[in-house]
PDB file of N, CA and C in Angstrom:
ATOM      1  N   MET A   1       0.790  -1.103   0.024  1.00  0.00           N
ATOM      2  CA  MET A   1       0.100   0.014   0.082  1.00  0.00           C
ATOM      3  C   MET A   1       0.852   1.285  -0.146  1.00  0.00           C
ATOM      4  N   PRO A   2       0.360   2.253  -0.972  1.00  0.00           N
ATOM      5  CA  PRO A   2       1.301   3.509  -0.868  1.00  0.00           C
ATOM      6  C   PRO A   2       1.246   4.368   0.491  1.00  0.00           C
ATOM      7  N   TRP A   3       2.489   4.727   1.001  1.00  0.00           N
ATOM      8  CA  TRP A   3       2.500   5.353   2.066  1.00  0.00           C
ATOM      9  C   TRP A   3       1.732   6.754   1.845  1.00  0.00           C
ATOM     10  N   LEU A   4       1.441   7.185   0.736  1.00  0.00           N
ATOM     11  CA  LEU A   4       0.377   8.410   0.762  1.00  0.00           C
ATOM     12  C   LEU A   4      -0.928   8.136   1.207  1.00  0.00           C
ATOM     13  N   SER A   5      -1.349   6.957   0.785  1.00  0.00           N
ATOM     14  CA  SER A   5      -2.596   6.358   1.172  1.00  0.00           C
ATOM     15  C   SER A   5      -2.727   6.148   2.720  1.00  0.00           C
ATOM     16  N   VAL A   6      -1.749   5.569   3.409  1.00  0.00           N
ATOM     17  CA  VAL A   6      -1.484   5.753   4.625  1.00  0.00           C
ATOM     18  C   VAL A   6      -1.615   6.859   5.402  1.00  0.00           C
ATOM     19  N   VAL A   7      -1.087   7.991   4.874  1.00  0.00           N
ATOM     20  CA  VAL A   7      -0.930   9.316   5.277  1.00  0.00           C
ATOM     21  C   VAL A   7      -2.287   9.750   5.335  1.00  0.00           C
ATOM     22  N   ALA A   8      -2.978   9.693   3.997  1.00  0.00           N
ATOM     23  CA  ALA A   8      -4.340  10.304   3.956  1.00  0.00           C
ATOM     24  C   ALA A   8      -5.407   9.809   4.802  1.00  0.00           C
ATOM     25  N   VAL A   9      -5.279   8.329   4.954  1.00  0.00           N
ATOM     26  CA  VAL A   9      -6.463   7.657   5.926  1.00  0.00           C
ATOM     27  C   VAL A   9      -6.169   8.203   7.424  1.00  0.00           C
ATOM     28  N   PHE A  10      -4.888   8.393   7.584  1.00  0.00           N
ATOM     29  CA  PHE A  10      -4.722   8.708   9.060  1.00  0.00           C
ATOM     30  C   PHE A  10      -5.218  10.496   9.139  1.00  0.00           C
ATOM     31  N   PHE A  11      -4.953  11.116   8.239  1.00  0.00           N
ATOM     32  CA  PHE A  11      -5.362  12.587   8.237  1.00  0.00           C
ATOM     33  C   PHE A  11      -7.028  12.669   8.448  1.00  0.00           C
ATOM     34  N   ILE A  12      -7.616  11.984   7.756  1.00  0.00           N
ATOM     35  CA  ILE A  12      -9.074  11.776   7.953  1.00  0.00           C
ATOM     36  C   ILE A  12      -9.663  11.172   9.017  1.00  0.00           C
ATOM     37  N   VAL A  13      -9.010  10.163   9.554  1.00  0.00           N
ATOM     38  CA  VAL A  13      -9.178   9.625  10.745  1.00  0.00           C
ATOM     39  C   VAL A  13      -8.803  10.348  12.017  1.00  0.00           C
ATOM     40  N   TRP A  14      -7.809  11.144  11.986  1.00  0.00           N
ATOM     41  CA  TRP A  14      -7.409  11.794  13.020  1.00  0.00           C
ATOM     42  C   TRP A  14      -8.419  13.162  13.175  1.00  0.00           C
ATOM     43  N   TRP A  15      -8.879  13.686  11.994  1.00  0.00           N
ATOM     44  CA  TRP A  15     -10.014  14.945  12.288  1.00  0.00           C
ATOM     45  C   TRP A  15     -11.377  14.340  12.680  1.00  0.00           C
ATOM     46  N   THR A  16     -11.678  13.115  12.224  1.00  0.00           N
ATOM     47  CA  THR A  16     -12.918  12.771  12.907  1.00  0.00           C
ATOM     48  C   THR A  16     -12.767  12.429  14.325  1.00  0.00           C
ATOM     49  N   VAL A  17     -11.727  11.524  14.744  1.00  0.00           N
ATOM     50  CA  VAL A  17     -11.623  11.377  16.068  1.00  0.00           C
ATOM     51  C   VAL A  17     -11.228  12.866  17.056  1.00  0.00           C
ATOM     52  N   LEU A  18     -10.880  13.691  16.412  1.00  0.00           N
ATOM     53  CA  LEU A  18     -11.000  14.991  17.032  1.00  0.00           C
ATOM     54  C   LEU A  18     -11.987  15.735  17.454  1.00  0.00           C
ATOM     55  N   PHE A  19     -13.063  15.542  16.420  1.00  0.00           N
ATOM     56  CA  PHE A  19     -14.278  15.823  16.873  1.00  0.00           C
ATOM     57  C   PHE A  19     -15.130  15.253  18.107  1.00  0.00           C
ATOM     58  N   VAL A  20     -14.802  13.808  17.921  1.00  0.00           N
ATOM     59  CA  VAL A  20     -15.244  12.981  19.080  1.00  0.00           C
ATOM     60  C   VAL A  20     -14.585  13.034  20.286  1.00  0.00           C
ATOM     61  N   VAL A  21     -13.549  13.457  20.669  1.00  0.00           N
ATOM     62  CA  VAL A  21     -12.580  13.925  21.686  1.00  0.00           C
ATOM     63  C   VAL A  21     -12.803  15.132  22.383  1.00  0.00           C
ATOM     64  N   LEU A  22     -12.992  16.173  21.461  1.00  0.00           N
ATOM     65  CA  LEU A  22     -13.144  17.525  22.115  1.00  0.00           C
ATOM     66  C   LEU A  22     -14.204  17.776  23.131  1.00  0.00           C
ATOM     67  N   PRO A  23     -15.243  17.168  22.929  1.00  0.00           N
ATOM     68  CA  PRO A  23     -16.090  17.308  24.188  1.00  0.00           C
ATOM     69  C   PRO A  23     -15.986  16.758  25.629  1.00  0.00           C
ATOM     70  N   ILE A  24     -15.105  15.597  25.335  1.00  0.00           N
ATOM     71  CA  ILE A  24     -14.769  14.733  26.508  1.00  0.00           C
ATOM     72  C   ILE A  24     -14.158  15.794  27.683  1.00  0.00           C
ATOM     73  N   GLY A  25     -14.803  15.468  28.679  1.00  0.00           N
ATOM     74  CA  GLY A  25     -14.133  16.330  30.093  1.00  0.00           C
ATOM     75  C   GLY A  25     -14.469  17.856  29.858  1.00  0.00           C
ATOM     76  N   LEU A  26     -15.244  18.480  29.075  1.00  0.00           N
ATOM     77  CA  LEU A  26     -15.291  19.515  28.779  1.00  0.00           C
ATOM     78  C   LEU A  26     -16.016  20.517  29.946  1.00  0.00           C
ATOM     79  N   ARG A  27     -15.679  21.535  30.715  1.00  0.00           N
ATOM     80  CA  ARG A  27     -16.213  22.120  31.470  1.00  0.00           C
ATOM     81  C   ARG A  27     -16.542  23.486  31.169  1.00  0.00           C
ATOM     82  N   THR A  28     -17.806  24.114  30.732  1.00  0.00           N
ATOM     83  CA  THR A  28     -18.117  25.338  30.366  1.00  0.00           C
ATOM     84  C   THR A  28     -18.064  26.456  31.398  1.00  0.00           C
ATOM     85  N   GLN A  29     -18.206  27.538  31.102  1.00  0.00           N
ATOM     86  CA  GLN A  29     -18.180  28.853  32.212  1.00  0.00           C
ATOM     87  C   GLN A  29     -19.482  28.595  32.898  1.00  0.00           C
ATOM     88  N   MET A  30     -20.671  28.142  32.004  1.00  0.00           N
ATOM     89  CA  MET A  30     -21.771  28.028  32.467  1.00  0.00           C
ATOM     90  C   MET A  30     -21.960  26.986  33.458  1.00  0.00           C
ATOM     91  N   ASP A  31     -21.274  25.864  33.448  1.00  0.00           N
ATOM     92  CA  ASP A  31     -21.224  24.759  34.305  1.00  0.00           C
ATOM     93  C   ASP A  31     -20.487  25.501  35.722  1.00  0.00           C
ATOM     94  N   ASP A  32     -19.564  26.124  35.513  1.00  0.00           N
ATOM     95  CA  ASP A  32     -18.747  26.532  36.718  1.00  0.00           C
ATOM     96  C   ASP A  32     -19.717  27.642  37.237  1.00  0.00           C
ATOM     97  N   GLY A  33     -20.422  28.346  36.757  1.00  0.00           N
ATOM     98  CA  GLY A  33     -21.300  29.478  37.108  1.00  0.00           C
ATOM     99  C   GLY A  33     -20.362  30.825  37.320  1.00  0.00           C
ATOM    100  N   ASP A  34     -19.440  30.842  36.287  1.00  0.00           N
ATOM    101  CA  ASP A  34     -18.507  32.103  36.313  1.00  0.00           C
ATOM    102  C   ASP A  34     -18.237  32.612  34.807  1.00  0.00           C
ATOM    103  N   VAL A  35     -19.256  33.501  34.205  1.00  0.00           N
ATOM    104  CA  VAL A  35     -19.086  33.682  32.763  1.00  0.00           C
ATOM    105  C   VAL A  35     -18.412  34.961  32.875  1.00  0.00           C
ATOM    106  N   THR A  36     -17.359  34.998  32.064  1.00  0.00           N
ATOM    107  CA  THR A  36     -16.743  36.157  31.883  1.00  0.00           C
ATOM    108  C   THR A  36     -17.447  37.371  30.896  1.00  0.00           C
ATOM    109  N   LEU A  37     -17.427  38.304  31.599  1.00  0.00           N
ATOM    110  CA  LEU A  37     -17.815  39.458  30.449  1.00  0.00           C
ATOM    111  C   LEU A  37     -17.260  39.367  29.092  1.00  0.00           C
ATOM    112  N   GLY A  38     -18.420  39.501  28.072  1.00  0.00           N
ATOM    113  CA  GLY A  38     -17.628  39.416  26.773  1.00  0.00           C
ATOM    114  C   GLY A  38     -17.480  38.135  26.078  1.00  0.00           C
ATOM    115  N   THR A  39     -17.696  36.964  26.946  1.00  0.00           N
ATOM    116  CA  THR A  39     -17.744  35.811  26.477  1.00  0.00           C
ATOM    117  C   THR A  39     -18.851  34.968  26.278  1.00  0.00           C
ATOM    118  N   VAL A  40     -18.947  33.999  25.590  1.00  0.00           N
ATOM    119  CA  VAL A  40     -20.201  33.079  25.930  1.00  0.00           C
ATOM    120  C   VAL A  40     -20.213  32.073  26.948  1.00  0.00           C
ATOM    121  N   ALA A  41     -21.209  31.930  27.413  1.00  0.00           N
ATOM    122  CA  ALA A  41     -21.451  30.927  28.474  1.00  0.00           C
ATOM    123  C   ALA A  41     -20.994  29.463  28.332  1.00  0.00           C
ATOM    124  N   SER A  42     -20.966  29.126  26.874  1.00  0.00           N
ATOM    125  CA  SER A  42     -20.482  28.003  26.542  1.00  0.00           C
ATOM    126  C   SER A  42     -18.927  27.786  26.334  1.00  0.00           C
ATOM    127  N   ALA A  43     -18.354  28.951  26.531  1.00  0.00           N
ATOM    128  CA  ALA A  43     -16.769  28.745  26.311  1.00  0.00           C
ATOM    129  C   ALA A  43     -16.261  27.974  27.663  1.00  0.00           C
ATOM    130  N   PRO A  44     -15.219  27.192  27.161  1.00  0.00           N
ATOM    131  CA  PRO A  44     -14.698  26.201  28.139  1.00  0.00           C
ATOM    132  C   PRO A  44     -13.900  26.999  29.314  1.00  0.00           C
ATOM    133  N   THR A  45     -13.944  26.420  30.424  1.00  0.00           N
ATOM    134  CA  THR A  45     -13.364  27.202  31.645  1.00  0.00           C
ATOM    135  C   THR A  45     -11.718  26.936  31.402  1.00  0.00           C
ATOM    136  N   ARG A  46     -11.440  25.767  31.239  1.00  0.00           N
ATOM    137  CA  ARG A  46      -9.862  25.765  30.936  1.00  0.00           C
ATOM    138  C   ARG A  46      -9.786  24.497  29.818  1.00  0.00           C
ATOM    139  N   PHE A  47      -9.216  25.262  28.838  1.00  0.00           N
ATOM    140  CA  PHE A  47      -9.204  24.570  27.463  1.00  0.00           C
ATOM    141  C   PHE A  47      -7.529  23.657  27.716  1.00  0.00           C
ATOM    142  N   GLN A  48      -7.755  22.414  27.491  1.00  0.00           N
ATOM    143  CA  GLN A  48      -6.739  21.505  27.775  1.00  0.00           C
ATOM    144  C   GLN A  48      -6.403  20.941  26.195  1.00  0.00           C
ATOM    145  N   GLY A  49      -5.548  22.001  25.615  1.00  0.00           N
ATOM    146  CA  GLY A  49      -5.435  21.502  24.010  1.00  0.00           C
ATOM    147  C   GLY A  49      -4.172  20.363  23.908  1.00  0.00           C
ATOM    148  N   ALA A  50      -3.295  20.582  24.767  1.00  0.00           N
ATOM    149  CA  ALA A  50      -2.336  19.425  24.476  1.00  0.00           C
ATOM    150  C   ALA A  50      -2.915  18.225  25.008  1.00  0.00           C
ATOM    151  N   LYS A  51      -3.711  17.994  26.024  1.00  0.00           N
ATOM    152  CA  LYS A  51      -4.426  16.602  26.327  1.00  0.00           C
ATOM    153  C   LYS A  51      -4.998  16.351  25.131  1.00  0.00           C
ATOM    154  N   ILE A  52      -5.778  17.357  24.589  1.00  0.00           N
ATOM    155  CA  ILE A  52      -6.620  16.791  23.323  1.00  0.00           C
ATOM    156  C   ILE A  52      -6.205  16.052  22.517  1.00  0.00           C
ATOM    157  N   LEU A  53      -5.039  16.976  21.840  1.00  0.00           N
ATOM    158  CA  LEU A  53      -4.080  16.393  20.770  1.00  0.00           C
ATOM    159  C   LEU A  53      -3.468  15.173  20.887  1.00  0.00           C
ATOM    160  N   ILE A  54      -2.830  15.037  22.233  1.00  0.00           N
ATOM    161  CA  ILE A  54      -2.409  13.719  22.565  1.00  0.00           C
ATOM    162  C   ILE A  54      -3.096  12.534  22.312  1.00  0.00           C
ATOM    163  N   LEU A  55      -4.417  12.672  23.065  1.00  0.00           N
ATOM    164  CA  LEU A  55      -5.409  11.682  22.921  1.00  0.00           C
ATOM    165  C   LEU A  55      -5.945  11.372  21.691  1.00  0.00           C
ATOM    166  N   THR A  56      -6.279  12.434  20.951  1.00  0.00           N
ATOM    167  CA  THR A  56      -6.706  12.089  19.440  1.00  0.00           C
ATOM    168  C   THR A  56      -5.560  11.550  18.562  1.00  0.00           C
ATOM    169  N   THR A  57      -4.331  11.827  18.837  1.00  0.00           N
ATOM    170  CA  THR A  57      -3.108  11.219  17.912  1.00  0.00           C
ATOM    171  C   THR A  57      -3.182  10.068  18.443  1.00  0.00           C
ATOM    172  N   LEU A  58      -3.044   9.521  19.657  1.00  0.00           N
ATOM    173  CA  LEU A  58      -3.139   8.028  20.417  1.00  0.00           C
ATOM    174  C   LEU A  58      -4.430   7.064  19.575  1.00  0.00           C
ATOM    175  N   ILE A  59      -5.437   7.726  19.616  1.00  0.00           N
ATOM    176  CA  ILE A  59      -6.568   6.781  19.502  1.00  0.00           C
ATOM    177  C   ILE A  59      -6.381   6.884  17.766  1.00  0.00           C
ATOM    178  N   SER A  60      -5.977   7.738  17.108  1.00  0.00           N
ATOM    179  CA  SER A  60      -5.903   7.955  15.870  1.00  0.00           C
ATOM    180  C   SER A  60      -4.835   6.713  15.490  1.00  0.00           C
ATOM    181  N   LEU A  61      -3.840   6.614  16.041  1.00  0.00           N
ATOM    182  CA  LEU A  61      -2.919   5.638  15.550  1.00  0.00           C
ATOM    183  C   LEU A  61      -3.115   4.336  15.925  1.00  0.00           C
ATOM    184  N   LEU A  62      -4.283   4.183  16.851  1.00  0.00           N
ATOM    185  CA  LEU A  62      -4.614   2.808  17.367  1.00  0.00           C
ATOM    186  C   LEU A  62      -5.530   2.235  16.275  1.00  0.00           C
ATOM    187  N   LEU A  63      -6.425   3.136  15.832  1.00  0.00           N
ATOM    188  CA  LEU A  63      -7.515   2.974  14.677  1.00  0.00           C
ATOM    189  C   LEU A  63      -6.600   2.519  13.409  1.00  0.00           C
ATOM    190  N   CYS A  64      -5.752   3.461  12.722  1.00  0.00           N
ATOM    191  CA  CYS A  64      -5.049   3.399  11.784  1.00  0.00           C
ATOM    192  C   CYS A  64      -3.985   2.214  11.891  1.00  0.00           C
ATOM    193  N   ALA A  65      -3.562   1.663  12.850  1.00  0.00           N
ATOM    194  CA  ALA A  65      -2.697   0.449  12.950  1.00  0.00           C
ATOM    195  C   ALA A  65      -3.745  -0.763  12.856  1.00  0.00           C
ATOM    196  N   LEU A  66      -4.809  -0.431  13.442  1.00  0.00           N
ATOM    197  CA  LEU A  66      -5.939  -1.606  13.321  1.00  0.00           C
ATOM    198  C   LEU A  66      -6.322  -1.836  11.872  1.00  0.00           C
ATOM    199  N   TRP A  67      -6.540  -0.724  10.933  1.00  0.00           N
ATOM    200  CA  TRP A  67      -6.837  -0.875   9.789  1.00  0.00           C
ATOM    201  C   TRP A  67      -5.842  -1.270   8.802  1.00  0.00           C
ATOM    202  N   TYR A  68      -4.499  -0.913   9.163  1.00  0.00           N
ATOM    203  CA  TYR A  68      -3.512  -1.296   8.401  1.00  0.00           C
ATOM    204  C   TYR A  68      -3.462  -2.787   8.512  1.00  0.00           C
ATOM    205  N   GLY A  69      -3.711  -3.331   9.774  1.00  0.00           N
ATOM    206  CA  GLY A  69      -3.342  -4.651  10.089  1.00  0.00           C
ATOM    207  C   GLY A  69      -4.512  -5.767   9.438  1.00  0.00           C
ATOM    208  N   VAL A  70      -5.911  -5.070   9.467  1.00  0.00           N
ATOM    209  CA  VAL A  70      -6.652  -5.535   8.596  1.00  0.00           C
ATOM    210  C   VAL A  70      -6.506  -6.026   7.135  1.00  0.00           C
ATOM    211  N   THR A  71      -6.050  -4.816   6.647  1.00  0.00           N
ATOM    212  CA  THR A  71      -5.505  -4.685   5.193  1.00  0.00           C
ATOM    213  C   THR A  71      -4.521  -5.460   4.713  1.00  0.00           C
ATOM    214  N   LEU A  72      -3.505  -5.733   5.802  1.00  0.00           N
ATOM    215  CA  LEU A  72      -2.328  -6.759   5.304  1.00  0.00           C
ATOM    216  C   LEU A  72      -2.815  -8.174   5.639  1.00  0.00           C
ATOM    217  N   TYR A  73      -3.437  -8.529   6.665  1.00  0.00           N
ATOM    218  CA  TYR A  73      -3.753  -9.859   7.098  1.00  0.00           C
ATOM    219  C   TYR A  73      -4.976 -10.305   6.035  1.00  0.00           C
ATOM    220  N   PHE A  74      -6.215  -9.552   5.969  1.00  0.00           N
ATOM    221  CA  PHE A  74      -7.128 -10.099   5.308  1.00  0.00           C
ATOM    222  C   PHE A  74      -7.369  -9.804   3.880  1.00  0.00           C
ATOM    223  N   GLY A  75      -6.220  -8.926   3.257  1.00  0.00           N
ATOM    224  CA  GLY A  75      -6.178  -8.274   2.048  1.00  0.00           C
ATOM    225  C   GLY A  75      -7.503  -7.206   1.562  1.00  0.00           C
ATOM    226  N   VAL A  76      -8.092  -6.884   2.428  1.00  0.00           N
ATOM    227  CA  VAL A  76      -9.213  -5.792   2.275  1.00  0.00           C
ATOM    228  C   VAL A  76      -8.655  -4.390   2.072  1.00  0.00           C
ATOM    229  N   SER A  77      -9.014  -3.772   1.067  1.00  0.00           N
ATOM    230  CA  SER A  77      -8.403  -2.540   0.694  1.00  0.00           C
ATOM    231  C   SER A  77      -9.524  -1.474   0.438  1.00  0.00           C
ATOM    232  N   LEU A  78      -9.055  -0.479   0.265  1.00  0.00           N
ATOM    233  CA  LEU A  78     -10.382   0.804   0.069  1.00  0.00           C
ATOM    234  C   LEU A  78     -11.071   0.379  -1.078  1.00  0.00           C
ATOM    235  N   ASP A  79     -10.686  -0.303  -2.220  1.00  0.00           N
ATOM    236  CA  ASP A  79     -11.215  -0.536  -3.401  1.00  0.00           C
ATOM    237  C   ASP A  79     -12.199  -1.493  -3.358  1.00  0.00           C
ATOM    238  N   ASP A  80     -12.136  -2.579  -1.976  1.00  0.00           N
ATOM    239  CA  ASP A  80     -12.861  -3.442  -1.842  1.00  0.00           C
ATOM    240  C   ASP A  80     -14.239  -3.005  -1.183  1.00  0.00           C
ATOM    241  N   LEU A  81     -14.191  -1.833  -0.624  1.00  0.00           N
ATOM    242  CA  LEU A  81     -15.678  -1.254   0.388  1.00  0.00           C
ATOM    243  C   LEU A  81     -16.781  -1.385  -0.502  1.00  0.00           C
ATOM    244  N   PRO A  82     -16.968  -1.173  -1.901  1.00  0.00           N
ATOM    245  CA  PRO A  82     -18.264  -1.143  -2.507  1.00  0.00           C
ATOM    246  C   PRO A  82     -18.640  -2.145  -2.745  1.00  0.00           C
ATOM    247  N   ARG A  83     -17.788  -3.316  -2.672  1.00  0.00           N
ATOM    248  CA  ARG A  83     -18.365  -4.847  -2.823  1.00  0.00           C
ATOM    249  C   ARG A  83     -18.569  -5.339  -1.564  1.00  0.00           C
ATOM    250  N   ILE A  84     -18.255  -4.632  -0.411  1.00  0.00           N
ATOM    251  CA  ILE A  84     -18.554  -5.143   0.746  1.00  0.00           C
ATOM    252  C   ILE A  84     -19.506  -4.705   1.399  1.00  0.00           C
ATOM    253  N   ILE A  85     -20.051  -3.503   1.328  1.00  0.00           N
ATOM    254  CA  ILE A  85     -21.134  -2.792   1.781  1.00  0.00           C
ATOM    255  C   ILE A  85     -21.975  -2.743   0.598  1.00  0.00           C
ATOM    256  N   PRO A  86     -23.242  -3.316   1.072  1.00  0.00           N
ATOM    257  CA  PRO A  86     -24.154  -3.630  -0.088  1.00  0.00           C
ATOM    258  C   PRO A  86     -25.153  -2.230  -0.295  1.00  0.00           C
ATOM    259  N   VAL A  87     -25.288  -1.940  -1.609  1.00  0.00           N
ATOM    260  CA  VAL A  87     -25.982  -0.627  -2.131  1.00  0.00           C
ATOM    261  C   VAL A  87     -27.502  -1.202  -2.326  1.00  0.00           C
ATOM    262  N   TYR A  88     -28.393  -0.576  -2.058  1.00  0.00           N
ATOM    263  CA  TYR A  88     -29.714  -1.080  -2.316  1.00  0.00           C
ATOM    264  C   TYR A  88     -30.093   0.317  -3.418  1.00  0.00           C
ATOM    265  N   ASP A  89     -30.899  -0.381  -4.445  1.00  0.00           N
ATOM    266  CA  ASP A  89     -31.623   0.947  -5.068  1.00  0.00           C
ATOM    267  C   ASP A  89     -32.870   0.835  -4.781  1.00  0.00           C
TER     268      ASP A  89
END
């Protein structure tokens, strides 16, 4: 499998996982009852960007390694997906 395909799949998986990880552990200003003047109440109290990026990268690496292993072991590739997933008219 070309390395560019692996990088492209990792990029897509990483962004998808990012949007799943973002709300985990989020505390808003409204939750804490301390809304700063000039900000929205749904703004995070403490943004933990490094934690989110590390968790997103670890989960994405795990998912991509699983995908890569399945493609090597079972021989399933992205080209096989239309044959695996039934399409009904």
